[in-house]
Amino acid sequence: IYALGNPYPTQQNLRWGEAEAFMLADLGKRLEQFASVKVQWQASRDWLIEALRTGLVVNASCHGLFDTQNFLRSRLILAHEEELTLADMLSDQVDLRGLRLFILSACQTAILDLQGARDEVRSLAAGMLQAGAAAILASLWSVDDCATYLLMVRFALEWFPQMHTEPPATALARAQRWLRTITNQELLLWQ
């Protein structure tokens, strides 16, 4: 399990993205899985490419951008102002074939190019599936940093123990239901 969070520098600090990366790595270690986490200046393009090549689960809690002019330029924004584009994912630079789940806790990672080819789905998420990832968890719109943290941590609690026997969508549905129904009082007590 690899987790990347809050790459620097960015126009908006992702404090909860950094917390998400640390928490998911910690949950992975508790389950006796290998886990590695990189945040801020260490959340680099090279590290993410290596994590995608060797990881079973990779979480990228960073900024994402969908390029409406050229969908291949849609990208994740990483440390040192580096980028990982959809074109990179579809090239031989990145190998996602062993990846069970790529969690994109980044805005606009599942937005579709509706102006493109009529018989194709063109988005960051679809491109990463085409590049070999077994499953992608991505966002259609800009997301709140704290709410995303809560959802992703609950998802990890639900899915990590069953990752070899349950599809991620089942655990995601439980995590979404939990987030929709939890009260503020219960949230204050939740750990």
C-alpha atoms as a PDB file:
ATOM      1  CA  ILE A   1       0.000   0.000   0.000  1.00  0.00           C
ATOM      2  CA  TYR A   2       1.467   3.307  -1.119  1.00  0.00           C
ATOM      3  CA  ALA A   3       0.033   6.683  -0.183  1.00  0.00           C
ATOM      4  CA  LEU A   4       0.953  10.123  -1.483  1.00  0.00           C
ATOM      5  CA  GLY A   5      -0.424  13.291   0.082  1.00  0.00           C
ATOM      6  CA  ASN A   6      -0.331  17.070  -0.144  1.00  0.00           C
ATOM      7  CA  PRO A   7       2.545  17.607  -2.602  1.00  0.00           C
ATOM      8  CA  TYR A   8       4.319  20.981  -2.318  1.00  0.00           C
ATOM      9  CA  PRO A   9       4.105  23.623  -3.564  1.00  0.00           C
ATOM     10  CA  THR A  10       0.465  23.985  -4.553  1.00  0.00           C
ATOM     11  CA  GLN A  11      -1.997  26.844  -4.742  1.00  0.00           C
ATOM     12  CA  GLN A  12      -4.103  25.215  -2.003  1.00  0.00           C
ATOM     13  CA  ASN A  13      -2.740  23.275   0.960  1.00  0.00           C
ATOM     14  CA  LEU A  14      -4.280  19.813   1.322  1.00  0.00           C
ATOM     15  CA  ARG A  15      -3.837  19.308   5.064  1.00  0.00           C
ATOM     16  CA  TRP A  16      -6.419  16.521   5.166  1.00  0.00           C
ATOM     17  CA  GLY A  17      -4.848  14.925   2.086  1.00  0.00           C
ATOM     18  CA  GLU A  18      -1.616  14.602   3.994  1.00  0.00           C
ATOM     19  CA  ALA A  19      -3.487  13.124   6.981  1.00  0.00           C
ATOM     20  CA  GLU A  20      -5.251  10.712   4.601  1.00  0.00           C
ATOM     21  CA  ALA A  21      -1.938   9.466   3.210  1.00  0.00           C
ATOM     22  CA  PHE A  22      -0.515   8.844   6.674  1.00  0.00           C
ATOM     23  CA  MET A  23      -3.695   7.133   7.885  1.00  0.00           C
ATOM     24  CA  LEU A  24      -4.014   4.794   4.897  1.00  0.00           C
ATOM     25  CA  ALA A  25      -0.372   3.771   5.196  1.00  0.00           C
ATOM     26  CA  ASP A  26      -0.861   3.191   8.926  1.00  0.00           C
ATOM     27  CA  LEU A  27      -3.954   1.051   8.310  1.00  0.00           C
ATOM     28  CA  GLY A  28      -1.993  -0.975   5.769  1.00  0.00           C
ATOM     29  CA  LYS A  29       0.805  -1.602   8.256  1.00  0.00           C
ATOM     30  CA  ARG A  30      -1.719  -2.709  10.893  1.00  0.00           C
ATOM     31  CA  LEU A  31      -2.851  -5.415   8.472  1.00  0.00           C
ATOM     32  CA  GLU A  32       0.766  -6.527   8.071  1.00  0.00           C
ATOM     33  CA  GLN A  33       0.935  -5.172   4.548  1.00  0.00           C
ATOM     34  CA  PHE A  34       3.940  -3.287   3.258  1.00  0.00           C
ATOM     35  CA  ALA A  35       3.130   0.407   3.363  1.00  0.00           C
ATOM     36  CA  SER A  36       4.980   3.515   2.274  1.00  0.00           C
ATOM     37  CA  VAL A  37       3.921   7.152   2.482  1.00  0.00           C
ATOM     38  CA  LYS A  38       5.319  10.328   0.943  1.00  0.00           C
ATOM     39  CA  VAL A  39       3.992  13.821   1.598  1.00  0.00           C
ATOM     40  CA  GLN A  40       4.841  17.434   0.824  1.00  0.00           C
ATOM     41  CA  TRP A  41       8.200  17.764  -0.993  1.00  0.00           C
ATOM     42  CA  GLN A  42       8.737  13.964  -1.047  1.00  0.00           C
ATOM     43  CA  ALA A  43       5.495  13.304  -2.966  1.00  0.00           C
ATOM     44  CA  SER A  44       7.344  13.257  -6.275  1.00  0.00           C
ATOM     45  CA  ARG A  45       6.574  12.013  -9.754  1.00  0.00           C
ATOM     46  CA  ASP A  46       9.344   9.396  -9.685  1.00  0.00           C
ATOM     47  CA  TRP A  47       8.115   8.002  -6.361  1.00  0.00           C
ATOM     48  CA  LEU A  48       4.528   7.747  -7.644  1.00  0.00           C
ATOM     49  CA  ILE A  49       5.627   6.011 -10.856  1.00  0.00           C
ATOM     50  CA  GLU A  50       7.559   3.432  -8.803  1.00  0.00           C
ATOM     51  CA  ALA A  51       4.591   2.972  -6.430  1.00  0.00           C
ATOM     52  CA  LEU A  52       2.288   2.358  -9.399  1.00  0.00           C
ATOM     53  CA  ARG A  53       4.717  -0.229 -10.770  1.00  0.00           C
ATOM     54  CA  THR A  54       5.118  -2.197  -7.525  1.00  0.00           C
ATOM     55  CA  GLY A  55       2.050  -1.447  -5.414  1.00  0.00           C
ATOM     56  CA  LEU A  56      -1.146  -3.377  -4.875  1.00  0.00           C
ATOM     57  CA  VAL A  57      -3.042  -0.279  -3.693  1.00  0.00           C
ATOM     58  CA  VAL A  58      -1.932   3.302  -4.395  1.00  0.00           C
ATOM     59  CA  ASN A  59      -3.621   6.391  -2.963  1.00  0.00           C
ATOM     60  CA  ALA A  60      -2.882   9.810  -4.481  1.00  0.00           C
ATOM     61  CA  SER A  61      -4.311  12.604  -2.341  1.00  0.00           C
ATOM     62  CA  CYS A  62      -3.271  15.584  -4.405  1.00  0.00           C
ATOM     63  CA  HIS A  63      -4.603  18.077  -6.927  1.00  0.00           C
ATOM     64  CA  GLY A  64      -5.954  16.790 -10.205  1.00  0.00           C
ATOM     65  CA  LEU A  65      -6.814  18.729 -13.320  1.00  0.00           C
ATOM     66  CA  PHE A  66      -8.937  17.723 -16.307  1.00  0.00           C
ATOM     67  CA  ASP A  67      -7.784  19.420 -19.503  1.00  0.00           C
ATOM     68  CA  THR A  68     -10.793  20.214 -21.669  1.00  0.00           C
ATOM     69  CA  GLN A  69      -8.624  21.178 -24.666  1.00  0.00           C
ATOM     70  CA  ASN A  70      -6.508  18.016 -24.712  1.00  0.00           C
ATOM     71  CA  PHE A  71      -7.656  15.167 -22.467  1.00  0.00           C
ATOM     72  CA  LEU A  72      -4.205  13.514 -22.701  1.00  0.00           C
ATOM     73  CA  ARG A  73      -2.854  16.536 -20.750  1.00  0.00           C
ATOM     74  CA  SER A  74      -5.223  15.807 -17.835  1.00  0.00           C
ATOM     75  CA  ARG A  75      -2.954  15.318 -14.874  1.00  0.00           C
ATOM     76  CA  LEU A  76      -2.093  14.849 -11.237  1.00  0.00           C
ATOM     77  CA  ILE A  77      -0.085  17.707  -9.711  1.00  0.00           C
ATOM     78  CA  LEU A  78       2.857  16.454  -7.652  1.00  0.00           C
ATOM     79  CA  ALA A  79       5.723  17.874  -5.600  1.00  0.00           C
ATOM     80  CA  HIS A  80       8.176  20.322  -7.176  1.00  0.00           C
ATOM     81  CA  GLU A  81       5.421  21.280  -9.647  1.00  0.00           C
ATOM     82  CA  GLU A  82       5.851  17.935 -11.412  1.00  0.00           C
ATOM     83  CA  GLU A  83       2.927  16.363 -13.229  1.00  0.00           C
ATOM     84  CA  LEU A  84       1.822  12.884 -14.161  1.00  0.00           C
ATOM     85  CA  THR A  85      -0.388  13.142 -17.244  1.00  0.00           C
ATOM     86  CA  LEU A  86      -2.810  10.735 -18.837  1.00  0.00           C
ATOM     87  CA  ALA A  87      -0.396  10.567 -21.791  1.00  0.00           C
ATOM     88  CA  ASP A  88       2.316   9.399 -19.351  1.00  0.00           C
ATOM     89  CA  MET A  89      -0.021   6.723 -17.972  1.00  0.00           C
ATOM     90  CA  LEU A  90      -0.716   5.380 -21.446  1.00  0.00           C
ATOM     91  CA  SER A  91       2.955   5.336 -22.435  1.00  0.00           C
ATOM     92  CA  ASP A  92       5.609   2.856 -21.406  1.00  0.00           C
ATOM     93  CA  GLN A  93       6.755   5.256 -18.629  1.00  0.00           C
ATOM     94  CA  VAL A  94       4.160   3.936 -16.182  1.00  0.00           C
ATOM     95  CA  ASP A  95       3.180   0.307 -15.539  1.00  0.00           C
ATOM     96  CA  LEU A  96      -0.149  -0.198 -13.754  1.00  0.00           C
ATOM     97  CA  ARG A  97      -0.669  -3.871 -14.641  1.00  0.00           C
ATOM     98  CA  GLY A  98      -0.214  -5.214 -11.086  1.00  0.00           C
ATOM     99  CA  LEU A  99      -2.302  -2.513  -9.424  1.00  0.00           C
ATOM    100  CA  ARG A 100      -5.444  -3.776  -7.649  1.00  0.00           C
ATOM    101  CA  LEU A 101      -6.782  -0.279  -6.870  1.00  0.00           C
ATOM    102  CA  PHE A 102      -5.689   3.261  -7.657  1.00  0.00           C
ATOM    103  CA  ILE A 103      -7.417   5.714  -5.305  1.00  0.00           C
ATOM    104  CA  LEU A 104      -7.462   9.183  -6.816  1.00  0.00           C
ATOM    105  CA  SER A 105      -8.353  11.525  -3.956  1.00  0.00           C
ATOM    106  CA  ALA A 106      -7.953  14.398  -6.339  1.00  0.00           C
ATOM    107  CA  CYS A 107     -10.468  16.705  -7.954  1.00  0.00           C
ATOM    108  CA  GLN A 108     -11.703  16.102 -11.497  1.00  0.00           C
ATOM    109  CA  THR A 109     -10.062  12.684 -11.949  1.00  0.00           C
ATOM    110  CA  ALA A 110     -13.183  11.012 -13.374  1.00  0.00           C
ATOM    111  CA  ILE A 111     -14.493  13.893 -15.500  1.00  0.00           C
ATOM    112  CA  LEU A 112     -15.217  12.709 -19.024  1.00  0.00           C
ATOM    113  CA  ASP A 113     -14.242  14.300 -22.315  1.00  0.00           C
ATOM    114  CA  LEU A 114     -17.710  14.600 -23.839  1.00  0.00           C
ATOM    115  CA  GLN A 115     -16.410  16.418 -26.924  1.00  0.00           C
ATOM    116  CA  GLY A 116     -14.078  13.627 -27.965  1.00  0.00           C
ATOM    117  CA  ALA A 117     -14.659  10.357 -29.761  1.00  0.00           C
ATOM    118  CA  ARG A 118     -18.264   9.170 -29.643  1.00  0.00           C
ATOM    119  CA  ASP A 119     -17.450   5.521 -28.937  1.00  0.00           C
ATOM    120  CA  GLU A 120     -14.813   6.077 -26.263  1.00  0.00           C
ATOM    121  CA  VAL A 121     -14.731   7.166 -22.659  1.00  0.00           C
ATOM    122  CA  ARG A 122     -11.884   9.612 -22.174  1.00  0.00           C
ATOM    123  CA  SER A 123     -10.880  10.571 -18.641  1.00  0.00           C
ATOM    124  CA  LEU A 124      -7.965  10.126 -16.257  1.00  0.00           C
ATOM    125  CA  ALA A 125      -9.763   7.230 -14.572  1.00  0.00           C
ATOM    126  CA  ALA A 126     -10.637   5.463 -17.835  1.00  0.00           C
ATOM    127  CA  GLY A 127      -7.080   5.930 -19.103  1.00  0.00           C
ATOM    128  CA  MET A 128      -5.651   4.363 -15.960  1.00  0.00           C
ATOM    129  CA  LEU A 129      -7.913   1.346 -16.423  1.00  0.00           C
ATOM    130  CA  GLN A 130      -6.696   1.140 -20.018  1.00  0.00           C
ATOM    131  CA  ALA A 131      -3.111   1.338 -18.727  1.00  0.00           C
ATOM    132  CA  GLY A 132      -3.708  -1.788 -16.644  1.00  0.00           C
ATOM    133  CA  ALA A 133      -5.094  -0.902 -13.205  1.00  0.00           C
ATOM    134  CA  ALA A 134      -7.761  -3.389 -12.090  1.00  0.00           C
ATOM    135  CA  ALA A 135      -9.907  -0.689 -10.437  1.00  0.00           C
ATOM    136  CA  ILE A 136      -9.967   3.079  -9.998  1.00  0.00           C
ATOM    137  CA  LEU A 137     -11.686   5.144  -7.322  1.00  0.00           C
ATOM    138  CA  ALA A 138     -11.938   8.703  -8.658  1.00  0.00           C
ATOM    139  CA  SER A 139     -13.901  11.947  -8.343  1.00  0.00           C
ATOM    140  CA  LEU A 140     -16.194  13.645 -10.844  1.00  0.00           C
ATOM    141  CA  TRP A 141     -15.907  17.114  -9.324  1.00  0.00           C
ATOM    142  CA  SER A 142     -13.942  19.264  -6.910  1.00  0.00           C
ATOM    143  CA  VAL A 143     -14.058  17.662  -3.490  1.00  0.00           C
ATOM    144  CA  ASP A 144     -13.821  18.954   0.062  1.00  0.00           C
ATOM    145  CA  ASP A 145     -10.506  17.961   1.638  1.00  0.00           C
ATOM    146  CA  CYS A 146     -11.918  16.991   5.061  1.00  0.00           C
ATOM    147  CA  ALA A 147     -14.936  15.089   3.699  1.00  0.00           C
ATOM    148  CA  THR A 148     -12.665  13.167   1.341  1.00  0.00           C
ATOM    149  CA  TYR A 149     -10.406  12.256   4.275  1.00  0.00           C
ATOM    150  CA  LEU A 150     -13.372  10.881   6.211  1.00  0.00           C
ATOM    151  CA  LEU A 151     -14.670   8.887   3.244  1.00  0.00           C
ATOM    152  CA  MET A 152     -11.285   7.443   2.275  1.00  0.00           C
ATOM    153  CA  VAL A 153     -10.328   6.454   5.815  1.00  0.00           C
ATOM    154  CA  ARG A 154     -13.697   4.773   6.341  1.00  0.00           C
ATOM    155  CA  PHE A 155     -13.343   3.073   2.954  1.00  0.00           C
ATOM    156  CA  ALA A 156      -9.908   1.751   3.956  1.00  0.00           C
ATOM    157  CA  LEU A 157     -11.263   0.474   7.276  1.00  0.00           C
ATOM    158  CA  GLU A 158     -14.019  -1.329   5.391  1.00  0.00           C
ATOM    159  CA  TRP A 159     -12.009  -2.680   2.459  1.00  0.00           C
ATOM    160  CA  PHE A 160      -8.390  -3.276   3.477  1.00  0.00           C
ATOM    161  CA  PRO A 161      -9.192  -6.325   5.657  1.00  0.00           C
ATOM    162  CA  GLN A 162     -11.250  -7.840   2.776  1.00  0.00           C
ATOM    163  CA  MET A 163      -9.263  -6.579  -0.213  1.00  0.00           C
ATOM    164  CA  HIS A 164      -8.533 -10.079  -1.502  1.00  0.00           C
ATOM    165  CA  THR A 165     -12.143 -11.287  -1.303  1.00  0.00           C
ATOM    166  CA  GLU A 166     -14.355  -8.233  -1.866  1.00  0.00           C
ATOM    167  CA  PRO A 167     -14.606  -5.717  -4.704  1.00  0.00           C
ATOM    168  CA  PRO A 168     -13.750  -2.155  -3.658  1.00  0.00           C
ATOM    169  CA  ALA A 169     -17.162  -0.877  -4.821  1.00  0.00           C
ATOM    170  CA  THR A 170     -18.930  -2.825  -2.056  1.00  0.00           C
ATOM    171  CA  ALA A 171     -16.773  -1.262   0.659  1.00  0.00           C
ATOM    172  CA  LEU A 172     -17.112   2.172  -0.949  1.00  0.00           C
ATOM    173  CA  ALA A 173     -20.917   1.893  -0.790  1.00  0.00           C
ATOM    174  CA  ARG A 174     -20.716   1.080   2.933  1.00  0.00           C
ATOM    175  CA  ALA A 175     -18.340   4.009   3.531  1.00  0.00           C
ATOM    176  CA  GLN A 176     -20.612   6.393   1.615  1.00  0.00           C
ATOM    177  CA  ARG A 177     -23.646   5.235   3.606  1.00  0.00           C
ATOM    178  CA  TRP A 178     -21.693   5.730   6.846  1.00  0.00           C
ATOM    179  CA  LEU A 179     -20.681   9.280   5.867  1.00  0.00           C
ATOM    180  CA  ARG A 180     -24.243  10.175   4.834  1.00  0.00           C
ATOM    181  CA  THR A 181     -25.777   8.938   8.088  1.00  0.00           C
ATOM    182  CA  ILE A 182     -23.209   9.753  10.797  1.00  0.00           C
ATOM    183  CA  THR A 183     -24.165  12.587  13.135  1.00  0.00           C
ATOM    184  CA  ASN A 184     -21.842  15.390  14.215  1.00  0.00           C
ATOM    185  CA  GLN A 185     -21.839  13.956  17.762  1.00  0.00           C
ATOM    186  CA  GLU A 186     -20.863  10.495  16.481  1.00  0.00           C
ATOM    187  CA  LEU A 187     -18.218  12.040  14.245  1.00  0.00           C
ATOM    188  CA  LEU A 188     -16.610  13.793  17.216  1.00  0.00           C
ATOM    189  CA  LEU A 189     -16.297  10.416  18.963  1.00  0.00           C
ATOM    190  CA  TRP A 190     -15.175   8.487  15.869  1.00  0.00           C
ATOM    191  CA  GLN A 191     -11.592   7.331  15.734  1.00  0.00           C
END
